[in-house]
Protein backbone atom coordinates (compact mmCIF):
# COMPACT_ATOMS: atom_id res chain seq x y z
CA MET A 1 0.00 0.00 0.00
CA SER A 2 1.29 3.48 -0.85
CA PHE A 3 0.33 6.92 0.38
CA VAL A 4 1.16 10.25 -1.23
CA ILE A 5 1.80 12.79 1.51
CA GLY A 6 3.20 16.28 1.79
CA THR A 7 6.34 17.22 3.64
CA ASP A 8 4.27 18.70 6.47
CA THR A 9 2.53 15.35 6.98
CA LEU A 10 5.88 13.55 6.85
CA VAL A 11 7.18 15.78 9.63
CA ARG A 12 4.17 14.93 11.81
CA LEU A 13 4.33 11.22 10.96
CA ILE A 14 7.90 10.90 12.21
CA ASP A 15 7.67 13.34 15.13
CA PRO A 16 8.35 11.44 18.38
CA LYS A 17 5.92 13.72 20.26
CA TYR A 18 3.10 11.62 18.75
CA TYR A 19 4.71 8.49 20.19
CA ASP A 20 5.06 9.48 23.86
CA ASN A 21 8.21 11.45 22.95
CA ASP A 22 9.94 8.15 22.28
CA GLU A 23 11.78 7.73 18.97
CA SER A 24 11.94 3.95 19.39
CA LYS A 25 8.11 3.85 19.58
CA MET A 26 7.93 5.91 16.38
CA VAL A 27 10.27 3.48 14.62
CA SER A 28 8.31 0.48 15.93
CA ALA A 29 5.02 1.99 14.71
CA LEU A 30 6.49 2.47 11.24
CA GLN A 31 7.95 -1.04 11.22
CA GLU A 32 4.48 -2.42 12.01
CA MET A 33 3.38 -0.97 8.65
CA GLU A 34 5.61 -3.40 6.77
CA GLY A 35 5.09 -3.08 3.03
CA THR A 36 3.69 0.45 3.27
CA ARG A 37 5.36 3.15 1.17
CA PHE A 38 5.13 6.91 1.47
CA VAL A 39 5.69 9.12 -1.55
CA VAL A 40 6.53 12.59 -0.28
CA GLY A 41 5.71 15.72 -2.23
CA GLY A 42 7.55 18.85 -1.24
CA ARG A 43 6.16 22.24 -0.46
CA LEU A 44 7.22 25.76 0.34
CA GLU A 45 8.38 26.43 3.86
CA GLN A 46 5.45 27.65 5.98
CA LYS A 47 7.20 28.93 9.10
CA GLY A 48 7.93 32.60 9.51
CA LYS A 49 7.61 35.28 6.92
CA ALA A 50 10.77 34.69 4.98
CA LYS A 51 11.22 36.89 1.93
CA ARG A 52 12.14 33.79 -0.05
CA PRO A 53 10.67 30.61 1.42
CA ARG A 54 12.67 27.45 0.75
CA PHE A 55 11.24 24.44 -1.03
CA LEU A 56 11.22 21.53 1.43
CA SER A 57 11.37 18.08 -0.13
CA GLY A 58 11.46 16.02 3.07
CA GLY A 59 14.82 14.55 2.12
CA GLU A 60 16.58 16.06 5.11
CA GLU A 61 14.06 14.57 7.55
CA ILE A 62 14.16 11.18 5.83
CA SER A 63 17.97 11.13 5.88
CA GLN A 64 17.85 11.31 9.69
CA LEU A 65 15.62 8.24 10.05
CA PRO A 66 17.04 4.87 11.05
CA VAL A 67 17.95 2.67 8.09
CA THR A 68 15.26 0.18 9.16
CA VAL A 69 12.48 2.60 8.09
CA LYS A 70 14.20 5.04 5.72
CA ASP A 71 13.36 2.99 2.62
CA MET A 72 9.62 3.39 3.29
CA PHE A 73 9.89 6.97 2.01
CA THR A 74 10.50 8.31 -1.48
CA THR A 75 10.67 12.01 -2.25
CA ILE A 76 9.39 13.66 -5.40
CA SER A 77 12.00 16.17 -6.53
CA GLU A 78 11.04 19.78 -7.11
CA GLU A 79 12.11 19.38 -10.73
CA THR A 80 9.71 16.45 -11.18
CA PHE A 81 6.66 18.04 -9.59
CA ARG A 82 5.89 21.30 -7.86
CA SER A 83 2.51 22.90 -7.25
CA ASP A 84 2.37 25.74 -4.75
CA ILE A 85 -1.20 25.20 -3.60
CA SER A 86 -2.29 23.93 -0.23
CA SER A 87 -4.94 21.30 0.41
CA THR A 88 -6.92 24.00 2.24
CA GLU A 89 -6.94 26.13 -0.91
CA ILE A 90 -8.10 23.15 -2.96
CA ARG A 91 -10.92 22.34 -0.51
CA ASN A 92 -12.03 25.97 -0.38
CA SER A 93 -12.15 26.23 -4.18
CA LYS A 94 -14.41 23.15 -4.36
CA GLN A 95 -16.92 24.74 -1.98
CA LYS A 96 -17.52 27.77 -4.18
């Protein structure tokens, strides 16, 4: 099974705070999803009001994961696909 997620969702998925602040619990939870793949689409940095926000691919976060779960994630390069629209903007446009 594969899921396409954004970088912001990746960050939440691997954040130990959602696993009792325990990285080993995060790794165990991911390992329980054996066979699952995550395709990560990048997005513009959302924090702060930078004059030039950076494009975040998720590669940096993935590179810090243990090797036992790192291969579950594949990034989509900015050159391959980039669409600067949020899911909120998409939902709001459908309601009009």
